[in-house]
Amino acid sequence: MSETKGTHGIILENRKKAIMTGIKDIESFNENEMILITSAGGLRLRGRNFEIGKVNTESGELEMTGEINSVQYSNTDRTPNNVITKLFR
């Protein structure tokens, strides 16, 4: 995703849908966990049956569905530069 600036927001609808803004990068994604880099730091969502719906790389918007059980932020704003950086974290 492109480098976005500005604010980060998240709207949760009945723990089944999330609409997010200020997304800089998708660090990892599978059906049970999504780790994102946002303009407010790292963001980890956990649950089940995750699917990415809409992604707008220019505006940093992302929409996903699934059973959302946990939303956790970290202060780390690390964007991996390459595969080696990811391996040695």
PDB file of N, CA and C in Angstrom:
ATOM      1  N   MET A   1       0.842  -1.169   0.000  1.00  0.00           N
ATOM      2  CA  MET A   1       0.000   0.000   0.000  1.00  0.00           C
ATOM      3  C   MET A   1       0.889   1.236   0.000  1.00  0.00           C
ATOM      4  N   SER A   2       0.359   2.310  -0.423  1.00  0.00           N
ATOM      5  CA  SER A   2       1.143   3.535  -0.487  1.00  0.00           C
ATOM      6  C   SER A   2       1.258   4.164   0.897  1.00  0.00           C
ATOM      7  N   GLU A   3       2.237   5.027   1.039  1.00  0.00           N
ATOM      8  CA  GLU A   3       2.407   5.760   2.293  1.00  0.00           C
ATOM      9  C   GLU A   3       1.304   6.804   2.394  1.00  0.00           C
ATOM     10  N   THR A   4       0.470   6.688   3.397  1.00  0.00           N
ATOM     11  CA  THR A   4      -0.608   7.652   3.587  1.00  0.00           C
ATOM     12  C   THR A   4      -0.293   8.522   4.781  1.00  0.00           C
ATOM     13  N   LYS A   5      -0.797   9.725   4.758  1.00  0.00           N
ATOM     14  CA  LYS A   5      -0.628  10.632   5.879  1.00  0.00           C
ATOM     15  C   LYS A   5      -1.994  10.982   6.399  1.00  0.00           C
ATOM     16  N   GLY A   6      -2.027  11.466   7.608  1.00  0.00           N
ATOM     17  CA  GLY A   6      -3.301  11.898   8.153  1.00  0.00           C
ATOM     18  C   GLY A   6      -3.722  11.039   9.323  1.00  0.00           C
ATOM     19  N   THR A   7      -5.000  11.036   9.552  1.00  0.00           N
ATOM     20  CA  THR A   7      -5.529  10.376  10.731  1.00  0.00           C
ATOM     21  C   THR A   7      -5.907   8.932  10.436  1.00  0.00           C
ATOM     22  N   HIS A   8      -5.973   8.180  11.517  1.00  0.00           N
ATOM     23  CA  HIS A   8      -6.403   6.785  11.441  1.00  0.00           C
ATOM     24  C   HIS A   8      -7.744   6.661  12.139  1.00  0.00           C
ATOM     25  N   GLY A   9      -8.636   5.898  11.548  1.00  0.00           N
ATOM     26  CA  GLY A   9      -9.926   5.652  12.163  1.00  0.00           C
ATOM     27  C   GLY A   9     -10.359   4.221  11.927  1.00  0.00           C
ATOM     28  N   ILE A  10     -11.187   3.714  12.834  1.00  0.00           N
ATOM     29  CA  ILE A  10     -11.731   2.374  12.670  1.00  0.00           C
ATOM     30  C   ILE A  10     -13.187   2.386  13.126  1.00  0.00           C
ATOM     31  N   ILE A  11     -14.043   1.844  12.293  1.00  0.00           N
ATOM     32  CA  ILE A  11     -15.462   1.691  12.619  1.00  0.00           C
ATOM     33  C   ILE A  11     -15.753   0.199  12.633  1.00  0.00           C
ATOM     34  N   LEU A  12     -16.221  -0.300  13.781  1.00  0.00           N
ATOM     35  CA  LEU A  12     -16.609  -1.707  13.906  1.00  0.00           C
ATOM     36  C   LEU A  12     -18.128  -1.790  13.883  1.00  0.00           C
ATOM     37  N   GLU A  13     -18.655  -2.646  13.047  1.00  0.00           N
ATOM     38  CA  GLU A  13     -20.092  -2.850  12.965  1.00  0.00           C
ATOM     39  C   GLU A  13     -20.419  -4.255  13.461  1.00  0.00           C
ATOM     40  N   ASN A  14     -21.007  -4.340  14.660  1.00  0.00           N
ATOM     41  CA  ASN A  14     -21.429  -5.618  15.252  1.00  0.00           C
ATOM     42  C   ASN A  14     -20.326  -6.671  15.302  1.00  0.00           C
ATOM     43  N   ARG A  15     -19.080  -6.236  15.420  1.00  0.00           N
ATOM     44  CA  ARG A  15     -17.924  -7.139  15.465  1.00  0.00           C
ATOM     45  C   ARG A  15     -17.837  -8.052  14.253  1.00  0.00           C
ATOM     46  N   LYS A  16     -18.509  -7.686  13.160  1.00  0.00           N
ATOM     47  CA  LYS A  16     -18.517  -8.493  11.937  1.00  0.00           C
ATOM     48  C   LYS A  16     -17.900  -7.767  10.749  1.00  0.00           C
ATOM     49  N   LYS A  17     -17.738  -6.453  10.860  1.00  0.00           N
ATOM     50  CA  LYS A  17     -17.217  -5.659   9.754  1.00  0.00           C
ATOM     51  C   LYS A  17     -16.401  -4.509  10.319  1.00  0.00           C
ATOM     52  N   ALA A  18     -15.256  -4.240   9.697  1.00  0.00           N
ATOM     53  CA  ALA A  18     -14.424  -3.105  10.098  1.00  0.00           C
ATOM     54  C   ALA A  18     -14.117  -2.260   8.867  1.00  0.00           C
ATOM     55  N   ILE A  19     -14.278  -0.963   9.021  1.00  0.00           N
ATOM     56  CA  ILE A  19     -13.911  -0.002   7.990  1.00  0.00           C
ATOM     57  C   ILE A  19     -12.818   0.869   8.599  1.00  0.00           C
ATOM     58  N   MET A  20     -11.634   0.863   7.972  1.00  0.00           N
ATOM     59  CA  MET A  20     -10.478   1.551   8.544  1.00  0.00           C
ATOM     60  C   MET A  20      -9.896   2.565   7.573  1.00  0.00           C
ATOM     61  N   THR A  21      -9.366   3.645   8.125  1.00  0.00           N
ATOM     62  CA  THR A  21      -8.667   4.665   7.346  1.00  0.00           C
ATOM     63  C   THR A  21      -7.278   4.859   7.950  1.00  0.00           C
ATOM     64  N   GLY A  22      -6.392   5.477   7.191  1.00  0.00           N
ATOM     65  CA  GLY A  22      -5.034   5.723   7.667  1.00  0.00           C
ATOM     66  C   GLY A  22      -4.166   4.484   7.629  1.00  0.00           C
ATOM     67  N   ILE A  23      -4.489   3.523   6.752  1.00  0.00           N
ATOM     68  CA  ILE A  23      -3.720   2.285   6.637  1.00  0.00           C
ATOM     69  C   ILE A  23      -2.533   2.528   5.707  1.00  0.00           C
ATOM     70  N   LYS A  24      -1.329   2.275   6.206  1.00  0.00           N
ATOM     71  CA  LYS A  24      -0.113   2.443   5.412  1.00  0.00           C
ATOM     72  C   LYS A  24       0.290   1.145   4.724  1.00  0.00           C
ATOM     73  N   ASP A  25       0.109   0.006   5.434  1.00  0.00           N
ATOM     74  CA  ASP A  25       0.587  -1.264   4.879  1.00  0.00           C
ATOM     75  C   ASP A  25      -0.132  -2.425   5.559  1.00  0.00           C
ATOM     76  N   ILE A  26      -0.294  -3.515   4.846  1.00  0.00           N
ATOM     77  CA  ILE A  26      -0.772  -4.772   5.417  1.00  0.00           C
ATOM     78  C   ILE A  26       0.460  -5.623   5.650  1.00  0.00           C
ATOM     79  N   GLU A  27       0.834  -5.788   6.912  1.00  0.00           N
ATOM     80  CA  GLU A  27       2.048  -6.545   7.231  1.00  0.00           C
ATOM     81  C   GLU A  27       1.811  -8.043   7.086  1.00  0.00           C
ATOM     82  N   SER A  28       0.675  -8.530   7.583  1.00  0.00           N
ATOM     83  CA  SER A  28       0.318  -9.937   7.383  1.00  0.00           C
ATOM     84  C   SER A  28      -1.186 -10.087   7.486  1.00  0.00           C
ATOM     85  N   PHE A  29      -1.665 -11.167   6.859  1.00  0.00           N
ATOM     86  CA  PHE A  29      -3.099 -11.410   6.830  1.00  0.00           C
ATOM     87  C   PHE A  29      -3.355 -12.900   6.643  1.00  0.00           C
ATOM     88  N   ASN A  30      -4.244 -13.456   7.467  1.00  0.00           N
ATOM     89  CA  ASN A  30      -4.793 -14.784   7.222  1.00  0.00           C
ATOM     90  C   ASN A  30      -6.214 -14.780   7.761  1.00  0.00           C
ATOM     91  N   GLU A  31      -6.884 -15.916   7.755  1.00  0.00           N
ATOM     92  CA  GLU A  31      -8.300 -15.924   8.128  1.00  0.00           C
ATOM     93  C   GLU A  31      -8.548 -15.662   9.605  1.00  0.00           C
ATOM     94  N   ASN A  32      -7.489 -15.704  10.448  1.00  0.00           N
ATOM     95  CA  ASN A  32      -7.650 -15.508  11.889  1.00  0.00           C
ATOM     96  C   ASN A  32      -6.950 -14.279  12.453  1.00  0.00           C
ATOM     97  N   GLU A  33      -6.109 -13.635  11.671  1.00  0.00           N
ATOM     98  CA  GLU A  33      -5.348 -12.500  12.187  1.00  0.00           C
ATOM     99  C   GLU A  33      -4.949 -11.565  11.054  1.00  0.00           C
ATOM    100  N   MET A  34      -4.991 -10.259  11.360  1.00  0.00           N
ATOM    101  CA  MET A  34      -4.556  -9.244  10.420  1.00  0.00           C
ATOM    102  C   MET A  34      -3.664  -8.270  11.175  1.00  0.00           C
ATOM    103  N   ILE A  35      -2.462  -8.019  10.653  1.00  0.00           N
ATOM    104  CA  ILE A  35      -1.542  -7.059  11.254  1.00  0.00           C
ATOM    105  C   ILE A  35      -1.329  -5.946  10.238  1.00  0.00           C
ATOM    106  N   LEU A  36      -1.637  -4.728  10.673  1.00  0.00           N
ATOM    107  CA  LEU A  36      -1.581  -3.561   9.803  1.00  0.00           C
ATOM    108  C   LEU A  36      -0.640  -2.515  10.376  1.00  0.00           C
ATOM    109  N   ILE A  37      -0.075  -1.704   9.502  1.00  0.00           N
ATOM    110  CA  ILE A  37       0.663  -0.509   9.900  1.00  0.00           C
ATOM    111  C   ILE A  37      -0.236   0.671   9.562  1.00  0.00           C
ATOM    112  N   THR A  38      -0.559   1.459  10.579  1.00  0.00           N
ATOM    113  CA  THR A  38      -1.443   2.607  10.383  1.00  0.00           C
ATOM    114  C   THR A  38      -0.685   3.894  10.676  1.00  0.00           C
ATOM    115  N   SER A  39      -1.305   5.004  10.404  1.00  0.00           N
ATOM    116  CA  SER A  39      -0.682   6.295  10.724  1.00  0.00           C
ATOM    117  C   SER A  39      -0.626   6.520  12.234  1.00  0.00           C
ATOM    118  N   ALA A  40      -1.310   5.661  13.021  1.00  0.00           N
ATOM    119  CA  ALA A  40      -1.277   5.749  14.488  1.00  0.00           C
ATOM    120  C   ALA A  40      -0.437   4.642  15.115  1.00  0.00           C
ATOM    121  N   GLY A  41       0.286   3.856  14.309  1.00  0.00           N
ATOM    122  CA  GLY A  41       1.108   2.756  14.817  1.00  0.00           C
ATOM    123  C   GLY A  41       0.608   1.418  14.313  1.00  0.00           C
ATOM    124  N   GLY A  42       1.087   0.352  14.957  1.00  0.00           N
ATOM    125  CA  GLY A  42       0.697  -0.994  14.561  1.00  0.00           C
ATOM    126  C   GLY A  42      -0.710  -1.330  15.048  1.00  0.00           C
ATOM    127  N   LEU A  43      -1.400  -2.186  14.294  1.00  0.00           N
ATOM    128  CA  LEU A  43      -2.757  -2.597  14.644  1.00  0.00           C
ATOM    129  C   LEU A  43      -2.900  -4.088  14.349  1.00  0.00           C
ATOM    130  N   ARG A  44      -3.338  -4.858  15.349  1.00  0.00           N
ATOM    131  CA  ARG A  44      -3.559  -6.298  15.185  1.00  0.00           C
ATOM    132  C   ARG A  44      -5.022  -6.607  15.460  1.00  0.00           C
ATOM    133  N   LEU A  45      -5.670  -7.262  14.510  1.00  0.00           N
ATOM    134  CA  LEU A  45      -7.038  -7.726  14.687  1.00  0.00           C
ATOM    135  C   LEU A  45      -7.002  -9.247  14.712  1.00  0.00           C
ATOM    136  N   ARG A  46      -7.727  -9.837  15.668  1.00  0.00           N
ATOM    137  CA  ARG A  46      -7.806 -11.292  15.762  1.00  0.00           C
ATOM    138  C   ARG A  46      -9.257 -11.718  15.751  1.00  0.00           C
ATOM    139  N   GLY A  47      -9.494 -12.903  15.204  1.00  0.00           N
ATOM    140  CA  GLY A  47     -10.852 -13.427  15.137  1.00  0.00           C
ATOM    141  C   GLY A  47     -10.906 -14.653  14.243  1.00  0.00           C
ATOM    142  N   ARG A  48     -11.982 -14.736  13.455  1.00  0.00           N
ATOM    143  CA  ARG A  48     -12.153 -15.888  12.570  1.00  0.00           C
ATOM    144  C   ARG A  48     -12.786 -15.445  11.253  1.00  0.00           C
ATOM    145  N   ASN A  49     -12.482 -16.210  10.223  1.00  0.00           N
ATOM    146  CA  ASN A  49     -13.098 -16.028   8.897  1.00  0.00           C
ATOM    147  C   ASN A  49     -12.887 -14.634   8.314  1.00  0.00           C
ATOM    148  N   PHE A  50     -11.689 -14.068   8.497  1.00  0.00           N
ATOM    149  CA  PHE A  50     -11.396 -12.740   7.972  1.00  0.00           C
ATOM    150  C   PHE A  50     -11.329 -12.771   6.442  1.00  0.00           C
ATOM    151  N   GLU A  51     -11.913 -11.759   5.841  1.00  0.00           N
ATOM    152  CA  GLU A  51     -11.831 -11.531   4.404  1.00  0.00           C
ATOM    153  C   GLU A  51     -11.677 -10.036   4.168  1.00  0.00           C
ATOM    154  N   ILE A  52     -10.790  -9.692   3.245  1.00  0.00           N
ATOM    155  CA  ILE A  52     -10.623  -8.289   2.878  1.00  0.00           C
ATOM    156  C   ILE A  52     -11.610  -7.983   1.768  1.00  0.00           C
ATOM    157  N   GLY A  53     -12.400  -6.935   1.967  1.00  0.00           N
ATOM    158  CA  GLY A  53     -13.383  -6.531   0.964  1.00  0.00           C
ATOM    159  C   GLY A  53     -12.795  -5.500   0.023  1.00  0.00           C
ATOM    160  N   LYS A  54     -12.804  -4.257   0.431  1.00  0.00           N
ATOM    161  CA  LYS A  54     -12.312  -3.157  -0.397  1.00  0.00           C
ATOM    162  C   LYS A  54     -10.999  -2.636   0.153  1.00  0.00           C
ATOM    163  N   VAL A  55     -10.083  -2.303  -0.752  1.00  0.00           N
ATOM    164  CA  VAL A  55      -8.820  -1.669  -0.383  1.00  0.00           C
ATOM    165  C   VAL A  55      -8.580  -0.521  -1.353  1.00  0.00           C
ATOM    166  N   ASN A  56      -8.307   0.661  -0.811  1.00  0.00           N
ATOM    167  CA  ASN A  56      -7.937   1.805  -1.627  1.00  0.00           C
ATOM    168  C   ASN A  56      -6.545   2.231  -1.194  1.00  0.00           C
ATOM    169  N   THR A  57      -5.554   1.888  -2.001  1.00  0.00           N
ATOM    170  CA  THR A  57      -4.168   2.157  -1.631  1.00  0.00           C
ATOM    171  C   THR A  57      -3.827   3.646  -1.647  1.00  0.00           C
ATOM    172  N   GLU A  58      -4.525   4.426  -2.434  1.00  0.00           N
ATOM    173  CA  GLU A  58      -4.234   5.857  -2.496  1.00  0.00           C
ATOM    174  C   GLU A  58      -4.728   6.596  -1.257  1.00  0.00           C
ATOM    175  N   SER A  59      -5.912   6.244  -0.775  1.00  0.00           N
ATOM    176  CA  SER A  59      -6.468   6.937   0.388  1.00  0.00           C
ATOM    177  C   SER A  59      -6.168   6.223   1.703  1.00  0.00           C
ATOM    178  N   GLY A  60      -5.676   4.973   1.646  1.00  0.00           N
ATOM    179  CA  GLY A  60      -5.375   4.226   2.859  1.00  0.00           C
ATOM    180  C   GLY A  60      -6.604   3.639   3.525  1.00  0.00           C
ATOM    181  N   GLU A  61      -7.657   3.406   2.746  1.00  0.00           N
ATOM    182  CA  GLU A  61      -8.890   2.838   3.298  1.00  0.00           C
ATOM    183  C   GLU A  61      -8.917   1.331   3.078  1.00  0.00           C
ATOM    184  N   LEU A  62      -9.441   0.610   4.081  1.00  0.00           N
ATOM    185  CA  LEU A  62      -9.547  -0.842   4.009  1.00  0.00           C
ATOM    186  C   LEU A  62     -10.851  -1.265   4.669  1.00  0.00           C
ATOM    187  N   GLU A  63     -11.541  -2.209   4.051  1.00  0.00           N
ATOM    188  CA  GLU A  63     -12.772  -2.757   4.611  1.00  0.00           C
ATOM    189  C   GLU A  63     -12.599  -4.272   4.707  1.00  0.00           C
ATOM    190  N   MET A  64     -12.938  -4.836   5.875  1.00  0.00           N
ATOM    191  CA  MET A  64     -12.819  -6.275   6.051  1.00  0.00           C
ATOM    192  C   MET A  64     -14.025  -6.808   6.808  1.00  0.00           C
ATOM    193  N   THR A  65     -14.275  -8.114   6.640  1.00  0.00           N
ATOM    194  CA  THR A  65     -15.374  -8.775   7.336  1.00  0.00           C
ATOM    195  C   THR A  65     -14.843 -10.028   8.033  1.00  0.00           C
ATOM    196  N   GLY A  66     -15.603 -10.524   8.968  1.00  0.00           N
ATOM    197  CA  GLY A  66     -15.255 -11.714   9.736  1.00  0.00           C
ATOM    198  C   GLY A  66     -15.704 -11.527  11.175  1.00  0.00           C
ATOM    199  N   GLU A  67     -15.416 -12.495  12.007  1.00  0.00           N
ATOM    200  CA  GLU A  67     -15.745 -12.407  13.436  1.00  0.00           C
ATOM    201  C   GLU A  67     -14.562 -11.770  14.161  1.00  0.00           C
ATOM    202  N   ILE A  68     -14.699 -10.517  14.560  1.00  0.00           N
ATOM    203  CA  ILE A  68     -13.605  -9.754  15.176  1.00  0.00           C
ATOM    204  C   ILE A  68     -13.686  -9.921  16.683  1.00  0.00           C
ATOM    205  N   ASN A  69     -12.663 -10.571  17.263  1.00  0.00           N
ATOM    206  CA  ASN A  69     -12.636 -10.827  18.704  1.00  0.00           C
ATOM    207  C   ASN A  69     -11.695  -9.909  19.461  1.00  0.00           C
ATOM    208  N   SER A  70     -10.701  -9.340  18.765  1.00  0.00           N
ATOM    209  CA  SER A  70      -9.697  -8.538  19.459  1.00  0.00           C
ATOM    210  C   SER A  70      -9.138  -7.478  18.520  1.00  0.00           C
ATOM    211  N   VAL A  71      -8.957  -6.267  19.059  1.00  0.00           N
ATOM    212  CA  VAL A  71      -8.310  -5.165  18.352  1.00  0.00           C
ATOM    213  C   VAL A  71      -7.238  -4.641  19.291  1.00  0.00           C
ATOM    214  N   GLN A  72      -5.981  -4.688  18.850  1.00  0.00           N
ATOM    215  CA  GLN A  72      -4.870  -4.294  19.719  1.00  0.00           C
ATOM    216  C   GLN A  72      -3.925  -3.373  18.959  1.00  0.00           C
ATOM    217  N   TYR A  73      -3.602  -2.243  19.587  1.00  0.00           N
ATOM    218  CA  TYR A  73      -2.662  -1.290  19.008  1.00  0.00           C
ATOM    219  C   TYR A  73      -1.294  -1.427  19.657  1.00  0.00           C
ATOM    220  N   SER A  74      -0.263  -1.093  18.889  1.00  0.00           N
ATOM    221  CA  SER A  74       1.088  -0.965  19.441  1.00  0.00           C
ATOM    222  C   SER A  74       1.627   0.388  18.995  1.00  0.00           C
ATOM    223  N   ASN A  75       2.593   0.891  19.717  1.00  0.00           N
ATOM    224  CA  ASN A  75       3.182   2.186  19.370  1.00  0.00           C
ATOM    225  C   ASN A  75       4.219   2.067  18.271  1.00  0.00           C
ATOM    226  N   THR A  76       4.516   0.857  17.863  1.00  0.00           N
ATOM    227  CA  THR A  76       5.540   0.626  16.854  1.00  0.00           C
ATOM    228  C   THR A  76       4.996   0.968  15.486  1.00  0.00           C
ATOM    229  N   ASP A  77       5.719   1.787  14.761  1.00  0.00           N
ATOM    230  CA  ASP A  77       5.374   2.108  13.380  1.00  0.00           C
ATOM    231  C   ASP A  77       6.500   1.618  12.489  1.00  0.00           C
ATOM    232  N   ARG A  78       6.676   0.307  12.475  1.00  0.00           N
ATOM    233  CA  ARG A  78       7.764  -0.251  11.683  1.00  0.00           C
ATOM    234  C   ARG A  78       7.198  -0.816  10.394  1.00  0.00           C
ATOM    235  N   THR A  79       7.738  -0.394   9.306  1.00  0.00           N
ATOM    236  CA  THR A  79       7.372  -0.942   8.015  1.00  0.00           C
ATOM    237  C   THR A  79       8.581  -1.715   7.509  1.00  0.00           C
ATOM    238  N   PRO A  80       8.448  -3.031   7.345  1.00  0.00           N
ATOM    239  CA  PRO A  80       9.594  -3.820   6.917  1.00  0.00           C
ATOM    240  C   PRO A  80      10.088  -3.384   5.545  1.00  0.00           C
ATOM    241  N   ASN A  81      11.409  -3.300   5.418  1.00  0.00           N
ATOM    242  CA  ASN A  81      12.000  -2.898   4.156  1.00  0.00           C
ATOM    243  C   ASN A  81      12.136  -4.072   3.198  1.00  0.00           C
ATOM    244  N   ASN A  82      12.343  -5.263   3.748  1.00  0.00           N
ATOM    245  CA  ASN A  82      12.510  -6.423   2.896  1.00  0.00           C
ATOM    246  C   ASN A  82      12.282  -7.698   3.695  1.00  0.00           C
ATOM    247  N   VAL A  83      12.435  -8.836   3.046  1.00  0.00           N
ATOM    248  CA  VAL A  83      12.189 -10.133   3.684  1.00  0.00           C
ATOM    249  C   VAL A  83      13.162 -10.370   4.830  1.00  0.00           C
ATOM    250  N   ILE A  84      14.405  -9.979   4.702  1.00  0.00           N
ATOM    251  CA  ILE A  84      15.401 -10.189   5.753  1.00  0.00           C
ATOM    252  C   ILE A  84      15.028  -9.411   7.009  1.00  0.00           C
ATOM    253  N   THR A  85      14.540  -8.205   6.848  1.00  0.00           N
ATOM    254  CA  THR A  85      14.092  -7.413   8.003  1.00  0.00           C
ATOM    255  C   THR A  85      12.971  -8.146   8.739  1.00  0.00           C
ATOM    256  N   LYS A  86      12.032  -8.736   8.000  1.00  0.00           N
ATOM    257  CA  LYS A  86      10.942  -9.485   8.619  1.00  0.00           C
ATOM    258  C   LYS A  86      11.453 -10.704   9.369  1.00  0.00           C
ATOM    259  N   LEU A  87      12.441 -11.389   8.810  1.00  0.00           N
ATOM    260  CA  LEU A  87      12.964 -12.610   9.436  1.00  0.00           C
ATOM    261  C   LEU A  87      13.658 -12.356  10.752  1.00  0.00           C
ATOM    262  N   PHE A  88      14.334 -11.228  10.898  1.00  0.00           N
ATOM    263  CA  PHE A  88      15.143 -10.972  12.077  1.00  0.00           C
ATOM    264  C   PHE A  88      14.477 -10.041  13.077  1.00  0.00           C
ATOM    265  N   ARG A  89      13.187  -9.999  13.119  1.00  0.00           N
ATOM    266  CA  ARG A  89      12.462  -9.225  14.116  1.00  0.00           C
ATOM    267  C   ARG A  89      12.269 -10.021  15.349  1.00  0.00           C
TER     268      ARG A  89
END
